[in-house]
Amino acid sequence: MLIVQSDYKDYYDGVAASGIDKTIVYRRVRAPLGNRLAKGMDEAIPGDTRFEAKAANGKAWVDLEFFLVGFCGRIYPGARLQAIMRLHPYEVVADEFYYDTESLVERLNEFRVKTTTEDLRPTWHRHWLLKSFRGNGLSLPVLERYFSGPRTDLEGLFHELKAPSFLLHRKCCARPDDVAFSTTNPCLRELGFQKVKDPYTAFQDLSVYISGVLGSESKPVIEVSDEVKAEAKGHGGEYSFRKPPGTKRGTPRWR
């Protein structure tokens, strides 16, 4: 177990009540990354998009925001779904997070969002998911690739950022060099990450990853002289293991 030092609460913090190891410290501080990770994000993180939809009490919009969560050496693609009524006062009737295709598509079908089985990916448009979804409906093959595609090219960020978790998210319709809302050590509770990891598993993964991966720097080797080694094993001093001469009563002089 580890001890967490942070200025905000997360969903796995309660596990620490069962016992902590003060030698493993997680300084959970959010640090914005700005645009330093812009390269390659155009394909990795689609721009946000909006669909026409129908809610129980009238017409609505469904907004999709895409993001990546890095957690203990793995990358988890995610999506945030917001359903907003199209009439004033624009009530938000749903605000949910998804980390797999099946449950997201099932929820979108409840809002009657148009979908297609065509593999729509216009090469001329910078944000291919945005273009595919908005004009022709949600492309199921494209969405499947987004959630199932490997992210090994981003796994090196954990060591580069020296953090066990991070969030990559771009603004709606942003330029490819504008990676916004990206931060280290995000609040996973605000991202609905408990759908992926329960509190006990998340806490245990952090303990193992911080102590065994991020905290695995080699310690300096201390050179010890032969004299010190000999003395530690009882070979040092005037008499070493031999019995020193005693007084008339048999008591050694050095005692």
C-alpha atoms as a PDB file:
ATOM      1  CA  MET A   1       0.000   0.000   0.000  1.00  0.00           C
ATOM      2  CA  LEU A   2       1.040   3.613  -0.456  1.00  0.00           C
ATOM      3  CA  ILE A   3       0.383   6.984   1.105  1.00  0.00           C
ATOM      4  CA  VAL A   4      -1.235   9.618  -1.147  1.00  0.00           C
ATOM      5  CA  GLN A   5      -0.367  13.298  -0.817  1.00  0.00           C
ATOM      6  CA  SER A   6      -2.857  15.407  -2.769  1.00  0.00           C
ATOM      7  CA  ASP A   7      -5.082  18.475  -2.616  1.00  0.00           C
ATOM      8  CA  TYR A   8      -8.110  16.638  -4.065  1.00  0.00           C
ATOM      9  CA  LYS A   9     -10.020  13.415  -3.409  1.00  0.00           C
ATOM     10  CA  ASP A  10     -10.238  10.468  -5.780  1.00  0.00           C
ATOM     11  CA  TYR A  11     -12.470   7.408  -5.775  1.00  0.00           C
ATOM     12  CA  TYR A  12      -9.808   4.963  -4.518  1.00  0.00           C
ATOM     13  CA  ASP A  13      -8.588   7.078  -1.568  1.00  0.00           C
ATOM     14  CA  GLY A  14     -10.747   5.186   0.943  1.00  0.00           C
ATOM     15  CA  VAL A  15      -8.696   2.019   0.418  1.00  0.00           C
ATOM     16  CA  ALA A  16      -5.801   3.644   2.287  1.00  0.00           C
ATOM     17  CA  ALA A  17      -7.796   3.326   5.521  1.00  0.00           C
ATOM     18  CA  SER A  18      -7.062  -0.414   5.522  1.00  0.00           C
ATOM     19  CA  GLY A  19      -3.331   0.239   5.974  1.00  0.00           C
ATOM     20  CA  ILE A  20      -0.555   2.197   4.305  1.00  0.00           C
ATOM     21  CA  ASP A  21       3.163   1.883   3.715  1.00  0.00           C
ATOM     22  CA  LYS A  22       4.795   5.242   4.426  1.00  0.00           C
ATOM     23  CA  THR A  23       7.848   4.274   2.391  1.00  0.00           C
ATOM     24  CA  ILE A  24       5.793   4.482  -0.842  1.00  0.00           C
ATOM     25  CA  VAL A  25       4.576   8.038  -1.449  1.00  0.00           C
ATOM     26  CA  TYR A  26       2.359   9.181  -4.337  1.00  0.00           C
ATOM     27  CA  ARG A  27       2.511  12.974  -4.705  1.00  0.00           C
ATOM     28  CA  ARG A  28      -0.656  13.382  -6.727  1.00  0.00           C
ATOM     29  CA  VAL A  29      -0.325  16.851  -8.224  1.00  0.00           C
ATOM     30  CA  ARG A  30      -2.074  17.886 -11.444  1.00  0.00           C
ATOM     31  CA  ALA A  31       0.253  19.589 -13.902  1.00  0.00           C
ATOM     32  CA  PRO A  32      -1.060  20.852 -17.271  1.00  0.00           C
ATOM     33  CA  LEU A  33       0.901  19.650 -20.288  1.00  0.00           C
ATOM     34  CA  GLY A  34      -0.145  22.334 -22.786  1.00  0.00           C
ATOM     35  CA  ASN A  35       0.799  21.604 -26.399  1.00  0.00           C
ATOM     36  CA  ARG A  36       4.011  19.669 -25.769  1.00  0.00           C
ATOM     37  CA  LEU A  37       2.293  16.387 -26.801  1.00  0.00           C
ATOM     38  CA  ALA A  38       0.706  17.714 -29.986  1.00  0.00           C
ATOM     39  CA  LYS A  39       2.641  15.456 -32.376  1.00  0.00           C
ATOM     40  CA  GLY A  40       0.555  12.475 -33.411  1.00  0.00           C
ATOM     41  CA  MET A  41      -2.511  13.483 -31.410  1.00  0.00           C
ATOM     42  CA  ASP A  42      -4.597  14.155 -34.514  1.00  0.00           C
ATOM     43  CA  GLU A  43      -5.044  10.422 -35.099  1.00  0.00           C
ATOM     44  CA  ALA A  44      -4.894   9.337 -31.459  1.00  0.00           C
ATOM     45  CA  ILE A  45      -7.574  11.729 -30.141  1.00  0.00           C
ATOM     46  CA  PRO A  46     -10.472  12.707 -32.438  1.00  0.00           C
ATOM     47  CA  GLY A  47     -12.062  16.113 -32.222  1.00  0.00           C
ATOM     48  CA  ASP A  48     -15.373  16.364 -30.361  1.00  0.00           C
ATOM     49  CA  THR A  49     -18.563  16.114 -32.393  1.00  0.00           C
ATOM     50  CA  ARG A  50     -22.345  16.567 -32.085  1.00  0.00           C
ATOM     51  CA  PHE A  51     -25.358  14.538 -33.259  1.00  0.00           C
ATOM     52  CA  GLU A  52     -29.027  15.278 -33.588  1.00  0.00           C
ATOM     53  CA  ALA A  53     -30.916  13.063 -31.139  1.00  0.00           C
ATOM     54  CA  LYS A  54     -34.231  12.480 -29.418  1.00  0.00           C
ATOM     55  CA  ALA A  55     -34.740  12.359 -25.659  1.00  0.00           C
ATOM     56  CA  ALA A  56     -37.829  11.272 -23.755  1.00  0.00           C
ATOM     57  CA  ASN A  57     -39.164  14.839 -23.563  1.00  0.00           C
ATOM     58  CA  GLY A  58     -38.182  16.201 -26.972  1.00  0.00           C
ATOM     59  CA  LYS A  59     -35.372  16.914 -29.421  1.00  0.00           C
ATOM     60  CA  ALA A  60     -31.834  16.987 -28.136  1.00  0.00           C
ATOM     61  CA  TRP A  61     -28.168  17.121 -29.080  1.00  0.00           C
ATOM     62  CA  VAL A  62     -25.702  14.425 -28.126  1.00  0.00           C
ATOM     63  CA  ASP A  63     -22.114  15.609 -27.776  1.00  0.00           C
ATOM     64  CA  LEU A  64     -19.190  13.170 -27.818  1.00  0.00           C
ATOM     65  CA  GLU A  65     -15.802  14.094 -26.381  1.00  0.00           C
ATOM     66  CA  PHE A  66     -12.878  11.704 -26.877  1.00  0.00           C
ATOM     67  CA  PHE A  67      -9.878  11.376 -24.566  1.00  0.00           C
ATOM     68  CA  LEU A  68      -7.124   8.988 -23.524  1.00  0.00           C
ATOM     69  CA  VAL A  69      -6.345   8.012 -19.943  1.00  0.00           C
ATOM     70  CA  GLY A  70      -2.894   6.676 -19.162  1.00  0.00           C
ATOM     71  CA  PHE A  71      -2.894   4.553 -16.016  1.00  0.00           C
ATOM     72  CA  CYS A  72      -0.024   2.440 -14.670  1.00  0.00           C
ATOM     73  CA  GLY A  73       1.581   1.624 -18.003  1.00  0.00           C
ATOM     74  CA  ARG A  74      -1.571   1.191 -20.115  1.00  0.00           C
ATOM     75  CA  ILE A  75      -3.606   3.548 -22.334  1.00  0.00           C
ATOM     76  CA  TYR A  76      -7.408   3.533 -22.052  1.00  0.00           C
ATOM     77  CA  PRO A  77      -9.443   5.250 -24.828  1.00  0.00           C
ATOM     78  CA  GLY A  78     -12.576   6.880 -23.470  1.00  0.00           C
ATOM     79  CA  ALA A  79     -15.554   8.983 -24.518  1.00  0.00           C
ATOM     80  CA  ARG A  80     -17.808  11.387 -22.668  1.00  0.00           C
ATOM     81  CA  LEU A  81     -21.464  11.537 -23.725  1.00  0.00           C
ATOM     82  CA  GLN A  82     -23.568  14.587 -22.958  1.00  0.00           C
ATOM     83  CA  ALA A  83     -27.222  14.869 -23.976  1.00  0.00           C
ATOM     84  CA  ILE A  84     -28.559  18.436 -24.059  1.00  0.00           C
ATOM     85  CA  MET A  85     -32.114  19.549 -24.787  1.00  0.00           C
ATOM     86  CA  ARG A  86     -32.330  21.764 -27.867  1.00  0.00           C
ATOM     87  CA  LEU A  87     -34.718  24.285 -26.330  1.00  0.00           C
ATOM     88  CA  HIS A  88     -34.008  26.879 -23.639  1.00  0.00           C
ATOM     89  CA  PRO A  89     -32.840  26.426 -20.875  1.00  0.00           C
ATOM     90  CA  TYR A  90     -30.803  23.691 -22.633  1.00  0.00           C
ATOM     91  CA  GLU A  91     -31.068  21.154 -19.825  1.00  0.00           C
ATOM     92  CA  VAL A  92     -28.363  18.472 -19.614  1.00  0.00           C
ATOM     93  CA  VAL A  93     -30.236  15.161 -19.357  1.00  0.00           C
ATOM     94  CA  ALA A  94     -27.195  12.854 -19.473  1.00  0.00           C
ATOM     95  CA  ASP A  95     -23.498  13.197 -18.650  1.00  0.00           C
ATOM     96  CA  GLU A  96     -21.749   9.822 -18.820  1.00  0.00           C
ATOM     97  CA  PHE A  97     -18.371   8.201 -19.532  1.00  0.00           C
ATOM     98  CA  TYR A  98     -17.668   5.105 -21.618  1.00  0.00           C
ATOM     99  CA  TYR A  99     -14.572   2.990 -22.222  1.00  0.00           C
ATOM    100  CA  ASP A 100     -15.877   0.436 -24.719  1.00  0.00           C
ATOM    101  CA  THR A 101     -17.768   0.436 -28.007  1.00  0.00           C
ATOM    102  CA  GLU A 102     -20.688  -1.807 -27.065  1.00  0.00           C
ATOM    103  CA  SER A 103     -22.019   0.163 -24.105  1.00  0.00           C
ATOM    104  CA  LEU A 104     -21.521   3.509 -25.876  1.00  0.00           C
ATOM    105  CA  VAL A 105     -23.395   2.404 -29.009  1.00  0.00           C
ATOM    106  CA  GLU A 106     -26.192   0.952 -26.875  1.00  0.00           C
ATOM    107  CA  ARG A 107     -26.623   4.309 -25.141  1.00  0.00           C
ATOM    108  CA  LEU A 108     -26.511   6.232 -28.419  1.00  0.00           C
ATOM    109  CA  ASN A 109     -29.248   3.991 -29.810  1.00  0.00           C
ATOM    110  CA  GLU A 110     -31.444   4.992 -26.889  1.00  0.00           C
ATOM    111  CA  PHE A 111     -31.103   8.586 -28.096  1.00  0.00           C
ATOM    112  CA  ARG A 112     -31.791   7.466 -31.687  1.00  0.00           C
ATOM    113  CA  VAL A 113     -28.467   8.695 -32.990  1.00  0.00           C
ATOM    114  CA  LYS A 114     -27.930   7.744 -36.621  1.00  0.00           C
ATOM    115  CA  THR A 115     -25.315   5.019 -37.167  1.00  0.00           C
ATOM    116  CA  THR A 116     -23.803   3.335 -40.199  1.00  0.00           C
ATOM    117  CA  THR A 117     -21.778   0.183 -40.835  1.00  0.00           C
ATOM    118  CA  GLU A 118     -19.793   1.909 -43.585  1.00  0.00           C
ATOM    119  CA  ASP A 119     -16.111   2.428 -42.895  1.00  0.00           C
ATOM    120  CA  LEU A 120     -16.138   6.185 -43.378  1.00  0.00           C
ATOM    121  CA  ARG A 121     -12.729   7.784 -43.142  1.00  0.00           C
ATOM    122  CA  PRO A 122     -12.200  10.762 -45.472  1.00  0.00           C
ATOM    123  CA  THR A 123      -8.451  11.180 -45.908  1.00  0.00           C
ATOM    124  CA  TRP A 124      -8.766  14.846 -46.844  1.00  0.00           C
ATOM    125  CA  HIS A 125     -10.371  15.862 -43.560  1.00  0.00           C
ATOM    126  CA  ARG A 126      -8.072  16.448 -40.624  1.00  0.00           C
ATOM    127  CA  HIS A 127     -10.503  15.183 -37.986  1.00  0.00           C
ATOM    128  CA  TRP A 128     -11.698  11.988 -39.620  1.00  0.00           C
ATOM    129  CA  LEU A 129     -14.009  10.912 -36.809  1.00  0.00           C
ATOM    130  CA  LEU A 130     -15.620  14.333 -36.713  1.00  0.00           C
ATOM    131  CA  LYS A 131     -16.333  14.297 -40.460  1.00  0.00           C
ATOM    132  CA  SER A 132     -17.457  10.672 -40.523  1.00  0.00           C
ATOM    133  CA  PHE A 133     -19.844  11.055 -37.620  1.00  0.00           C
ATOM    134  CA  ARG A 134     -21.397  14.432 -38.318  1.00  0.00           C
ATOM    135  CA  GLY A 135     -22.417  14.110 -41.937  1.00  0.00           C
ATOM    136  CA  ASN A 136     -23.179  10.413 -42.317  1.00  0.00           C
ATOM    137  CA  GLY A 137     -23.949   9.209 -38.831  1.00  0.00           C
ATOM    138  CA  LEU A 138     -21.722   7.339 -36.428  1.00  0.00           C
ATOM    139  CA  SER A 139     -19.378   4.988 -38.285  1.00  0.00           C
ATOM    140  CA  LEU A 140     -19.297   1.798 -36.209  1.00  0.00           C
ATOM    141  CA  PRO A 141     -16.072   0.366 -37.751  1.00  0.00           C
ATOM    142  CA  VAL A 142     -14.247   3.627 -37.099  1.00  0.00           C
ATOM    143  CA  LEU A 143     -15.503   3.749 -33.514  1.00  0.00           C
ATOM    144  CA  GLU A 144     -14.457   0.121 -33.007  1.00  0.00           C
ATOM    145  CA  ARG A 145     -10.927   0.907 -34.148  1.00  0.00           C
ATOM    146  CA  TYR A 146     -10.709   3.863 -31.806  1.00  0.00           C
ATOM    147  CA  PHE A 147     -11.491   1.768 -28.727  1.00  0.00           C
ATOM    148  CA  SER A 148      -9.605  -1.374 -29.697  1.00  0.00           C
ATOM    149  CA  GLY A 149      -6.526   0.041 -31.407  1.00  0.00           C
ATOM    150  CA  PRO A 150      -3.146  -0.458 -29.666  1.00  0.00           C
ATOM    151  CA  ARG A 151      -1.553   2.598 -28.052  1.00  0.00           C
ATOM    152  CA  THR A 152       1.977   1.319 -27.529  1.00  0.00           C
ATOM    153  CA  ASP A 153       3.405   4.499 -29.073  1.00  0.00           C
ATOM    154  CA  LEU A 154       2.180   6.481 -26.054  1.00  0.00           C
ATOM    155  CA  GLU A 155       3.306   4.117 -23.284  1.00  0.00           C
ATOM    156  CA  GLY A 156       6.688   5.851 -23.032  1.00  0.00           C
ATOM    157  CA  LEU A 157       4.931   8.956 -21.668  1.00  0.00           C
ATOM    158  CA  PHE A 158       4.778   7.444 -18.179  1.00  0.00           C
ATOM    159  CA  HIS A 159       8.552   7.605 -17.788  1.00  0.00           C
ATOM    160  CA  GLU A 160       8.842  10.880 -19.687  1.00  0.00           C
ATOM    161  CA  LEU A 161       6.277  12.572 -17.435  1.00  0.00           C
ATOM    162  CA  LYS A 162       7.353  10.608 -14.324  1.00  0.00           C
ATOM    163  CA  ALA A 163       3.698  10.077 -13.447  1.00  0.00           C
ATOM    164  CA  PRO A 164       1.561   6.927 -13.011  1.00  0.00           C
ATOM    165  CA  SER A 165      -1.437   8.542 -14.724  1.00  0.00           C
ATOM    166  CA  PHE A 166      -2.221  11.267 -17.259  1.00  0.00           C
ATOM    167  CA  LEU A 167      -5.080  12.592 -19.393  1.00  0.00           C
ATOM    168  CA  LEU A 168      -4.918  13.586 -23.066  1.00  0.00           C
ATOM    169  CA  HIS A 169      -7.908  15.509 -24.405  1.00  0.00           C
ATOM    170  CA  ARG A 170      -8.345  18.044 -27.182  1.00  0.00           C
ATOM    171  CA  LYS A 171     -10.783  20.926 -27.459  1.00  0.00           C
ATOM    172  CA  CYS A 172     -13.808  20.715 -29.701  1.00  0.00           C
ATOM    173  CA  CYS A 173     -12.827  21.184 -33.362  1.00  0.00           C
ATOM    174  CA  ALA A 174      -9.308  22.077 -32.254  1.00  0.00           C
ATOM    175  CA  ARG A 175      -6.273  22.455 -34.451  1.00  0.00           C
ATOM    176  CA  PRO A 176      -3.934  19.433 -34.466  1.00  0.00           C
ATOM    177  CA  ASP A 177      -1.334  21.399 -32.506  1.00  0.00           C
ATOM    178  CA  ASP A 178      -3.823  22.287 -29.767  1.00  0.00           C
ATOM    179  CA  VAL A 179      -3.901  19.454 -27.219  1.00  0.00           C
ATOM    180  CA  ALA A 180      -6.006  20.998 -24.484  1.00  0.00           C
ATOM    181  CA  PHE A 181      -7.010  19.767 -21.042  1.00  0.00           C
ATOM    182  CA  SER A 182      -3.988  17.450 -21.022  1.00  0.00           C
ATOM    183  CA  THR A 183      -2.626  16.942 -17.525  1.00  0.00           C
ATOM    184  CA  THR A 184      -0.691  14.562 -15.320  1.00  0.00           C
ATOM    185  CA  ASN A 185      -2.373  12.865 -12.349  1.00  0.00           C
ATOM    186  CA  PRO A 186      -5.985  13.727 -13.293  1.00  0.00           C
ATOM    187  CA  CYS A 187      -8.900  13.098 -10.952  1.00  0.00           C
ATOM    188  CA  LEU A 188     -10.036   9.696 -12.219  1.00  0.00           C
ATOM    189  CA  ARG A 189     -13.344  10.001 -10.392  1.00  0.00           C
ATOM    190  CA  GLU A 190     -14.276  12.910 -12.667  1.00  0.00           C
ATOM    191  CA  LEU A 191     -13.590  10.675 -15.696  1.00  0.00           C
ATOM    192  CA  GLY A 192     -15.756   7.776 -14.553  1.00  0.00           C
ATOM    193  CA  PHE A 193     -12.675   5.550 -14.424  1.00  0.00           C
ATOM    194  CA  GLN A 194     -14.269   3.351 -11.757  1.00  0.00           C
ATOM    195  CA  LYS A 195     -15.973   1.610 -14.694  1.00  0.00           C
ATOM    196  CA  VAL A 196     -12.522   0.336 -15.687  1.00  0.00           C
ATOM    197  CA  LYS A 197     -10.862  -0.239 -12.298  1.00  0.00           C
ATOM    198  CA  ASP A 198     -12.587  -0.782  -8.976  1.00  0.00           C
ATOM    199  CA  PRO A 199     -11.110   1.185  -6.015  1.00  0.00           C
ATOM    200  CA  TYR A 200      -9.090  -1.721  -4.565  1.00  0.00           C
ATOM    201  CA  THR A 201      -7.584  -2.719  -7.918  1.00  0.00           C
ATOM    202  CA  ALA A 202      -6.719   0.888  -8.802  1.00  0.00           C
ATOM    203  CA  PHE A 203      -5.032   1.468  -5.432  1.00  0.00           C
ATOM    204  CA  GLN A 204      -3.073  -1.786  -5.663  1.00  0.00           C
ATOM    205  CA  ASP A 205      -1.973  -1.050  -9.243  1.00  0.00           C
ATOM    206  CA  LEU A 206      -0.702   2.371  -8.200  1.00  0.00           C
ATOM    207  CA  SER A 207       1.227   0.884  -5.282  1.00  0.00           C
ATOM    208  CA  VAL A 208       2.932  -1.721  -7.453  1.00  0.00           C
ATOM    209  CA  TYR A 209       3.621   0.640 -10.364  1.00  0.00           C
ATOM    210  CA  ILE A 210       5.067   3.476  -8.281  1.00  0.00           C
ATOM    211  CA  SER A 211       7.264   1.214  -6.144  1.00  0.00           C
ATOM    212  CA  GLY A 212       8.287  -1.229  -8.862  1.00  0.00           C
ATOM    213  CA  VAL A 213       8.474   0.838 -12.072  1.00  0.00           C
ATOM    214  CA  LEU A 214       8.651   4.579 -11.477  1.00  0.00           C
ATOM    215  CA  GLY A 215      10.539   4.136  -8.208  1.00  0.00           C
ATOM    216  CA  SER A 216      12.990   1.533  -9.497  1.00  0.00           C
ATOM    217  CA  GLU A 217      15.995   3.834  -9.852  1.00  0.00           C
ATOM    218  CA  SER A 218      19.228   2.025  -8.982  1.00  0.00           C
ATOM    219  CA  LYS A 219      20.761   2.969  -5.656  1.00  0.00           C
ATOM    220  CA  PRO A 220      24.441   4.000  -5.523  1.00  0.00           C
ATOM    221  CA  VAL A 221      26.883   1.281  -4.490  1.00  0.00           C
ATOM    222  CA  ILE A 222      28.820   2.145  -1.336  1.00  0.00           C
ATOM    223  CA  GLU A 223      32.408   0.891  -1.332  1.00  0.00           C
ATOM    224  CA  VAL A 224      33.499  -0.597   2.008  1.00  0.00           C
ATOM    225  CA  SER A 225      37.184  -1.052   2.863  1.00  0.00           C
ATOM    226  CA  ASP A 226      38.617  -4.440   3.754  1.00  0.00           C
ATOM    227  CA  GLU A 227      39.421  -3.230   7.280  1.00  0.00           C
ATOM    228  CA  VAL A 228      35.784  -2.313   7.951  1.00  0.00           C
ATOM    229  CA  LYS A 229      34.574  -5.660   6.525  1.00  0.00           C
ATOM    230  CA  ALA A 230      37.031  -7.562   8.730  1.00  0.00           C
ATOM    231  CA  GLU A 231      36.009  -5.660  11.837  1.00  0.00           C
ATOM    232  CA  ALA A 232      32.308  -6.264  11.109  1.00  0.00           C
ATOM    233  CA  LYS A 233      32.989 -10.025  11.001  1.00  0.00           C
ATOM    234  CA  GLY A 234      34.984 -10.015  14.263  1.00  0.00           C
ATOM    235  CA  HIS A 235      38.472 -10.043  12.754  1.00  0.00           C
ATOM    236  CA  GLY A 236      39.392  -6.509  13.744  1.00  0.00           C
ATOM    237  CA  GLY A 237      41.125  -5.226  16.868  1.00  0.00           C
ATOM    238  CA  GLU A 238      44.023  -6.513  18.929  1.00  0.00           C
ATOM    239  CA  TYR A 239      42.542  -9.891  19.870  1.00  0.00           C
ATOM    240  CA  SER A 240      40.049 -10.649  17.091  1.00  0.00           C
ATOM    241  CA  PHE A 241      38.272 -13.903  18.062  1.00  0.00           C
ATOM    242  CA  ARG A 242      40.908 -14.833  20.616  1.00  0.00           C
ATOM    243  CA  LYS A 243      40.062 -14.551  24.291  1.00  0.00           C
ATOM    244  CA  PRO A 244      41.735 -11.478  25.759  1.00  0.00           C
ATOM    245  CA  PRO A 245      43.789 -11.871  28.899  1.00  0.00           C
ATOM    246  CA  GLY A 246      41.837 -11.239  32.081  1.00  0.00           C
ATOM    247  CA  THR A 247      42.446 -10.054  35.596  1.00  0.00           C
ATOM    248  CA  LYS A 248      42.878 -12.290  38.601  1.00  0.00           C
ATOM    249  CA  ARG A 249      39.113 -12.727  38.809  1.00  0.00           C
ATOM    250  CA  GLY A 250      38.894 -13.775  35.135  1.00  0.00           C
ATOM    251  CA  THR A 251      37.251 -10.580  33.868  1.00  0.00           C
ATOM    252  CA  PRO A 252      38.668  -9.439  30.479  1.00  0.00           C
ATOM    253  CA  ARG A 253      40.327  -6.065  30.584  1.00  0.00           C
ATOM    254  CA  TRP A 254      38.168  -4.586  27.821  1.00  0.00           C
ATOM    255  CA  ARG A 255      34.851  -5.385  29.494  1.00  0.00           C
END
